[in-house]
Amino acid sequence: MGIANSPYLMACHGKNKGRIPVWIMRQAGRYLPEYRAIRATVSFLELCKSPELMTEVVRQPVERFGLDAAILFSDILILLEPMGIDLSFPDGGPRLANPISSPDDVKRLKNYDVAAALPFVAEGIRQIKRRLRDTPLIGFAGSPFTLACYLIQGKGSKDFDQAKRFMHQYPQAAEELISFLSDITARYLGLQIDAGADTVQIFESWGGVLSKGDFCDWSARPINEIFRRLDTKGVPRTLFVNNVAPYLDVVKEIDCEVVGVDYRVDLSQAAAAMPGKAVQGNLDPSVLFESPERVRERTMQILEGLDQHDNLIFNLGHGIQPQTPIASVEALVETVHGFRS
């Protein structure tokens, strides 16, 4: 079977008649002892910039669990350093030493050649593809709004109040910032595809803090522009919006093949609200702390709740948590793969 006929890529187009594909957000992560062994020797940013180590941590969960897709190991904020942003991860979370606080700060951001500034990303993709020849590889980036949140807030936040305030207080600067980030993100995802990524995903991690009108303007509009620029690349495009429920009618109109659904909304309801889209999701990651038997039951509830499975990519409704038991991951994958047997 060629990679184009893999269950994952076929499901992206709503044409999968084989086993239901499954991969896991943050599948290369701290719940794996082999990942922790590598992280004990390097910093997070060093790992993101080493093609050899990236390849190793991408390989680990795919080969351990038999997952149907690999995903590039990186961080959505890796795009920010070449702009002139001092980025670090001192305690696991991002810290920006020089965040944006005024319109003049937006103008100081440096535009750059993504291939020249981020060569380790393209090389990492090439090495991953050589190692995992028969496994589709997902490239990814953060949405312009999510990137803007970190650029303005300077760190993580529950509601990104400073970022939202900036967008309303300085609408022209906000538009310039979103446009700037959209252009770089489109070029960055294009670089990933050209290097060998079989599909790309945009993570709209923080669009869920927005009112619907602001979501349309600051999230959906620039994401649509990015996806349209990538249309000629001929690969499936996925959008994951954390807390997507209020915006399903907006997201269904975005020019992409797949929508990732978080755990807050019933997957069958989301699928019905977005006809023509493949759906990805959406088991609550906390369920994996239950017994393997309960993991199987909760997974089956999602699978049996759907009328259509040809367009389903099973996943969690958010990233896997660091202390997740390996046995629960095994139970999840086995249940999904065995559903159509």
Protein backbone atom coordinates (compact mmCIF):
# COMPACT_ATOMS: atom_id res chain seq x y z
CA MET A 1 0.00 0.00 0.00
CA GLY A 2 1.44 3.36 -1.01
CA ILE A 3 1.47 6.19 1.49
CA ALA A 4 -1.24 8.04 -0.48
CA ASN A 5 -3.56 5.11 0.26
CA SER A 6 -2.77 5.04 3.97
CA PRO A 7 -5.81 5.09 6.29
CA TYR A 8 -4.80 8.51 7.62
CA LEU A 9 -4.50 10.26 4.25
CA MET A 10 -7.57 8.51 2.87
CA ALA A 11 -9.55 9.63 5.93
CA CYS A 12 -8.44 13.22 5.32
CA HIS A 13 -10.37 13.02 2.06
CA GLY A 14 -13.32 11.13 3.55
CA LYS A 15 -12.51 7.97 1.59
CA ASN A 16 -11.01 5.59 4.14
CA LYS A 17 -12.47 2.09 3.95
CA GLY A 18 -9.68 0.49 6.00
CA ARG A 19 -8.93 0.59 9.70
CA ILE A 20 -9.66 3.87 11.44
CA PRO A 21 -6.43 5.85 11.78
CA VAL A 22 -5.25 7.21 15.11
CA TRP A 23 -2.51 9.54 16.23
CA ILE A 24 -2.16 11.54 19.45
CA MET A 25 -1.54 15.23 19.96
CA ARG A 26 1.86 15.65 21.69
CA GLN A 27 2.51 11.96 21.06
CA ALA A 28 6.26 12.61 21.34
CA GLY A 29 6.30 13.69 24.95
CA ARG A 30 7.05 13.24 28.60
CA TYR A 31 4.72 10.27 29.16
CA LEU A 32 7.28 8.16 27.23
CA PRO A 33 10.36 7.03 29.18
CA GLU A 34 12.45 7.00 26.00
CA TYR A 35 11.53 10.63 25.36
CA ARG A 36 12.42 11.59 28.92
CA ALA A 37 15.81 9.93 28.50
CA ILE A 38 16.60 12.22 25.56
CA ARG A 39 15.22 15.33 27.25
CA ALA A 40 17.51 14.67 30.22
CA THR A 41 20.46 15.41 27.93
CA VAL A 42 19.28 18.54 26.07
CA SER A 43 17.06 21.57 26.55
CA PHE A 44 13.69 21.77 24.83
CA LEU A 45 14.91 24.33 22.28
CA GLU A 46 18.03 22.27 21.58
CA LEU A 47 15.82 19.29 20.85
CA CYS A 48 13.65 21.39 18.51
CA LYS A 49 16.75 22.42 16.57
CA SER A 50 18.42 19.02 16.19
CA PRO A 51 17.18 17.10 13.11
CA GLU A 52 18.67 13.87 14.45
CA LEU A 53 17.01 14.13 17.86
CA MET A 54 13.76 15.35 16.32
CA THR A 55 13.72 12.25 14.15
CA GLU A 56 14.32 10.00 17.14
CA VAL A 57 11.51 11.41 19.29
CA VAL A 58 9.10 11.43 16.33
CA ARG A 59 9.92 7.78 15.68
CA GLN A 60 9.42 6.61 19.26
CA PRO A 61 5.61 6.72 19.64
CA VAL A 62 4.91 5.72 16.03
CA GLU A 63 6.90 2.51 16.34
CA ARG A 64 5.92 1.77 19.95
CA PHE A 65 2.14 2.02 19.40
CA GLY A 66 1.73 1.51 15.63
CA LEU A 67 0.25 4.97 15.14
CA ASP A 68 -1.04 5.93 11.70
CA ALA A 69 0.67 9.31 11.43
CA ALA A 70 3.80 11.02 12.71
CA ILE A 71 3.94 14.70 13.55
CA LEU A 72 6.93 16.99 13.33
CA PHE A 73 8.57 17.67 16.68
CA SER A 74 8.81 21.42 17.15
CA ASP A 75 7.03 24.27 18.90
CA ILE A 76 4.61 26.77 17.42
CA LEU A 77 6.78 29.61 18.77
CA ILE A 78 9.92 28.52 16.90
CA LEU A 79 8.92 31.08 14.25
CA LEU A 80 9.42 33.95 16.66
CA GLU A 81 13.17 33.86 17.31
CA PRO A 82 14.21 35.04 13.82
CA MET A 83 11.81 37.97 14.21
CA GLY A 84 14.08 39.27 16.98
CA ILE A 85 12.20 37.74 19.90
CA ASP A 86 14.17 36.41 22.87
CA LEU A 87 12.43 33.05 23.48
CA SER A 88 13.07 30.59 26.30
CA PHE A 89 11.31 27.75 28.12
CA PRO A 90 12.68 28.09 31.67
CA ASP A 91 10.06 25.97 33.45
CA GLY A 92 8.40 24.17 30.56
CA GLY A 93 6.29 27.15 29.53
CA PRO A 94 7.37 29.81 27.04
CA ARG A 95 8.82 33.14 28.09
CA LEU A 96 9.37 36.07 25.73
CA ALA A 97 11.86 38.55 27.18
CA ASN A 98 10.84 41.34 24.80
CA PRO A 99 7.08 41.10 24.12
CA ILE A 100 5.05 43.57 22.10
CA SER A 101 3.41 46.38 24.06
CA SER A 102 2.96 49.18 21.49
CA PRO A 103 2.41 49.70 17.75
CA ASP A 104 6.10 50.59 17.41
CA ASP A 105 6.99 47.13 18.70
CA VAL A 106 5.06 45.57 15.82
CA LYS A 107 7.17 47.53 13.34
CA ARG A 108 10.42 46.28 14.91
CA LEU A 109 9.61 42.64 14.12
CA LYS A 110 12.00 41.34 11.47
CA ASN A 111 10.76 39.70 8.30
CA TYR A 112 12.95 36.83 7.18
CA ASP A 113 13.58 33.98 4.76
CA VAL A 114 12.12 30.93 6.52
CA ALA A 115 14.36 28.45 4.70
CA ALA A 116 17.50 30.35 5.70
CA ALA A 117 16.41 31.05 9.27
CA LEU A 118 14.88 27.65 10.11
CA PRO A 119 16.96 25.09 8.15
CA PHE A 120 16.70 22.52 10.96
CA VAL A 121 12.96 22.22 10.40
CA ALA A 122 13.28 21.23 6.73
CA GLU A 123 16.21 18.93 7.47
CA GLY A 124 14.31 17.34 10.33
CA ILE A 125 11.39 16.60 8.02
CA ARG A 126 13.70 15.05 5.44
CA GLN A 127 15.33 12.82 8.04
CA ILE A 128 11.97 11.80 9.55
CA LYS A 129 10.67 10.85 6.10
CA ARG A 130 13.74 8.71 5.46
CA ARG A 131 13.24 6.93 8.79
CA LEU A 132 9.44 6.54 8.58
CA ARG A 133 8.97 6.01 4.87
CA ASP A 134 5.55 4.38 5.14
CA THR A 135 4.06 6.75 7.73
CA PRO A 136 2.40 10.04 6.77
CA LEU A 137 4.09 13.04 8.39
CA ILE A 138 2.13 16.02 9.69
CA GLY A 139 3.74 19.45 9.62
CA PHE A 140 2.25 22.22 11.72
CA ALA A 141 2.24 25.83 12.82
CA GLY A 142 0.37 28.02 15.26
CA SER A 143 -2.37 30.32 14.03
CA PRO A 144 -1.57 34.02 13.58
CA PHE A 145 -3.86 34.90 16.49
CA THR A 146 -2.26 32.34 18.81
CA LEU A 147 1.20 33.60 17.88
CA ALA A 148 0.04 37.17 18.50
CA CYS A 149 -1.24 36.14 21.94
CA TYR A 150 2.22 35.00 23.00
CA LEU A 151 3.97 37.93 21.33
CA ILE A 152 1.86 40.41 23.30
CA GLN A 153 1.32 38.53 26.57
CA GLY A 154 4.93 37.34 26.74
CA LYS A 155 3.95 34.01 28.28
CA GLY A 156 1.06 31.62 28.64
CA SER A 157 -2.28 32.81 30.03
CA LYS A 158 -5.78 31.51 30.73
CA ASP A 159 -7.52 34.32 28.84
CA PHE A 160 -4.77 36.41 27.17
CA ASP A 161 -6.38 39.59 28.41
CA GLN A 162 -3.38 41.75 27.47
CA ALA A 163 -3.39 40.40 23.93
CA LYS A 164 -7.12 41.01 23.48
CA ARG A 165 -6.80 44.50 24.93
CA PHE A 166 -3.96 45.31 22.51
CA MET A 167 -6.01 44.11 19.52
CA HIS A 168 -8.88 46.46 20.45
CA GLN A 169 -6.74 49.37 21.59
CA TYR A 170 -4.51 49.41 18.50
CA PRO A 171 -6.63 48.00 15.64
CA GLN A 172 -4.29 49.16 12.85
CA ALA A 173 -1.22 47.70 14.57
CA ALA A 174 -3.20 44.52 15.27
CA GLU A 175 -4.06 44.20 11.59
CA GLU A 176 -0.42 44.74 10.64
CA LEU A 177 0.65 42.09 13.15
CA ILE A 178 -1.88 39.49 12.00
CA SER A 179 -1.00 40.13 8.34
CA PHE A 180 2.73 39.82 9.09
CA LEU A 181 2.24 36.57 10.99
CA SER A 182 -0.07 35.16 8.32
CA ASP A 183 2.52 35.69 5.60
CA ILE A 184 5.35 34.07 7.55
CA THR A 185 3.14 31.17 8.65
CA ALA A 186 2.05 30.46 5.06
CA ARG A 187 5.68 30.46 3.91
CA TYR A 188 6.71 28.31 6.87
CA LEU A 189 4.07 25.66 6.16
CA GLY A 190 5.00 25.77 2.48
CA LEU A 191 8.60 25.05 3.47
CA GLN A 192 7.45 22.04 5.47
CA ILE A 193 5.45 20.66 2.57
CA ASP A 194 8.32 21.18 0.14
CA ALA A 195 10.61 19.31 2.56
CA GLY A 196 8.28 16.30 2.56
CA ALA A 197 5.39 16.85 5.00
CA ASP A 198 2.37 14.90 3.74
CA THR A 199 -0.15 17.19 5.41
CA VAL A 200 -0.15 20.31 7.58
CA GLN A 201 -2.11 21.42 10.61
CA ILE A 202 -2.74 24.85 12.10
CA PHE A 203 -3.20 24.93 15.86
CA GLU A 204 -5.60 27.67 16.92
CA SER A 205 -4.82 27.13 20.58
CA TRP A 206 -6.29 30.38 21.90
CA GLY A 207 -8.99 31.42 19.43
CA GLY A 208 -11.49 30.04 21.94
CA VAL A 209 -11.04 33.14 24.14
CA LEU A 210 -12.57 35.35 21.44
CA SER A 211 -16.09 36.57 20.85
CA LYS A 212 -17.56 35.16 17.67
CA GLY A 213 -17.11 38.36 15.71
CA ASP A 214 -13.48 38.68 16.76
CA PHE A 215 -12.92 35.00 15.96
CA CYS A 216 -14.14 35.62 12.42
CA ASP A 217 -11.85 38.62 12.03
CA TRP A 218 -8.68 37.69 13.91
CA SER A 219 -8.71 33.89 13.58
CA ALA A 220 -10.83 32.47 10.74
CA ARG A 221 -9.95 35.15 8.17
CA PRO A 222 -6.13 34.84 8.38
CA ILE A 223 -6.28 31.05 8.67
CA ASN A 224 -8.39 30.91 5.54
CA GLU A 225 -5.84 33.09 3.73
CA ILE A 226 -3.00 30.77 4.77
CA PHE A 227 -4.84 27.63 3.69
CA ARG A 228 -5.75 29.19 0.33
CA ARG A 229 -2.09 29.99 -0.30
CA LEU A 230 -1.28 26.33 0.37
CA ASP A 231 -4.05 24.95 -1.84
CA THR A 232 -1.77 24.44 -4.83
CA LYS A 233 0.57 22.29 -2.72
CA GLY A 234 -1.95 19.48 -2.96
CA VAL A 235 -1.79 18.18 0.63
CA PRO A 236 -4.61 17.88 3.16
CA ARG A 237 -4.96 20.83 5.52
CA THR A 238 -6.18 20.46 9.10
CA LEU A 239 -7.40 23.10 11.54
CA PHE A 240 -7.58 22.46 15.27
CA VAL A 241 -9.47 25.07 17.30
CA ASN A 242 -9.37 24.63 21.06
CA ASN A 243 -12.97 25.22 22.22
CA VAL A 244 -14.41 25.03 18.71
CA ALA A 245 -18.09 24.61 19.66
CA PRO A 246 -19.14 28.30 19.44
CA TYR A 247 -17.60 28.65 15.98
CA LEU A 248 -18.59 25.44 14.16
CA ASP A 249 -20.65 27.33 11.59
CA VAL A 250 -17.65 29.56 10.87
CA VAL A 251 -15.09 26.75 10.79
CA LYS A 252 -17.14 24.69 8.34
CA GLU A 253 -16.58 27.44 5.74
CA ILE A 254 -12.78 27.49 6.13
CA ASP A 255 -10.85 26.13 3.17
CA CYS A 256 -9.47 22.94 4.71
CA GLU A 257 -10.10 19.22 4.53
CA VAL A 258 -9.96 18.26 8.22
CA VAL A 259 -11.14 19.88 11.45
CA GLY A 260 -9.71 18.79 14.79
CA VAL A 261 -12.36 18.78 17.51
CA ASP A 262 -11.60 19.33 21.19
CA TYR A 263 -13.19 17.22 23.93
CA ARG A 264 -15.77 19.85 24.99
CA VAL A 265 -18.16 19.08 22.13
CA ASP A 266 -19.74 15.79 21.07
CA LEU A 267 -17.84 14.56 18.02
CA SER A 268 -20.98 13.37 16.23
CA GLN A 269 -22.57 16.81 16.65
CA ALA A 270 -19.43 18.50 15.34
CA ALA A 271 -19.30 16.16 12.34
CA ALA A 272 -22.97 16.83 11.54
CA ALA A 273 -22.37 20.60 11.75
CA MET A 274 -19.50 20.43 9.25
CA PRO A 275 -20.62 18.26 6.32
CA GLY A 276 -17.88 17.62 3.82
CA LYS A 277 -15.10 17.89 6.41
CA ALA A 278 -13.11 15.03 7.85
CA VAL A 279 -13.12 15.17 11.65
CA GLN A 280 -10.28 14.49 14.06
CA GLY A 281 -10.69 13.81 17.76
CA ASN A 282 -11.75 13.84 20.48
CA LEU A 283 -11.25 11.71 23.61
CA ASP A 284 -10.60 13.78 26.74
CA PRO A 285 -6.90 13.23 27.63
CA SER A 286 -7.85 12.82 31.30
CA VAL A 287 -9.76 9.64 30.42
CA LEU A 288 -6.40 7.95 29.88
CA PHE A 289 -5.88 7.99 33.64
CA GLU A 290 -8.74 5.53 34.02
CA SER A 291 -8.23 1.77 33.72
CA PRO A 292 -7.49 0.33 30.26
CA GLU A 293 -10.97 -1.24 30.32
CA ARG A 294 -12.61 2.14 30.87
CA VAL A 295 -10.41 3.70 28.17
CA ARG A 296 -11.74 1.09 25.75
CA GLU A 297 -15.34 1.81 26.81
CA ARG A 298 -14.97 5.58 26.46
CA THR A 299 -13.25 5.19 23.09
CA MET A 300 -16.00 2.89 21.85
CA GLN A 301 -18.64 5.42 22.91
CA ILE A 302 -17.12 7.97 20.54
CA LEU A 303 -16.69 5.46 17.71
CA GLU A 304 -20.22 4.06 18.04
CA GLY A 305 -21.71 7.54 18.26
CA LEU A 306 -20.69 8.35 14.69
CA ASP A 307 -22.75 7.36 11.66
CA GLN A 308 -19.83 7.89 9.29
CA HIS A 309 -16.31 6.57 9.82
CA ASP A 310 -14.69 7.00 6.40
CA ASN A 311 -13.77 10.58 7.32
CA LEU A 312 -12.66 9.94 10.92
CA ILE A 313 -9.15 10.38 12.31
CA PHE A 314 -9.20 9.35 15.95
CA ASN A 315 -7.24 11.51 18.37
CA LEU A 316 -7.44 13.08 21.78
CA GLY A 317 -9.37 16.30 22.27
CA HIS A 318 -6.16 17.99 23.45
CA GLY A 319 -2.53 17.06 24.09
CA ILE A 320 -1.64 13.92 26.03
CA GLN A 321 -0.62 14.63 29.63
CA PRO A 322 2.87 13.86 30.96
CA GLN A 323 1.93 11.20 33.55
CA THR A 324 -0.38 9.23 31.22
CA PRO A 325 -0.04 5.44 31.70
CA ILE A 326 1.41 3.60 28.71
CA ALA A 327 -1.18 0.82 29.11
CA SER A 328 -3.97 3.32 28.52
CA VAL A 329 -2.40 4.52 25.28
CA GLU A 330 -2.07 0.92 24.15
CA ALA A 331 -5.72 0.28 24.97
CA LEU A 332 -6.79 3.37 23.02
CA VAL A 333 -4.86 2.45 19.88
CA GLU A 334 -5.91 -1.21 20.00
CA THR A 335 -9.57 -0.24 20.37
CA VAL A 336 -9.53 2.18 17.45
CA HIS A 337 -7.66 -0.21 15.18
CA GLY A 338 -9.95 -3.09 16.09
CA PHE A 339 -13.23 -1.22 15.60
CA ARG A 340 -13.74 -2.20 11.97
CA SER A 341 -12.20 -5.68 12.26
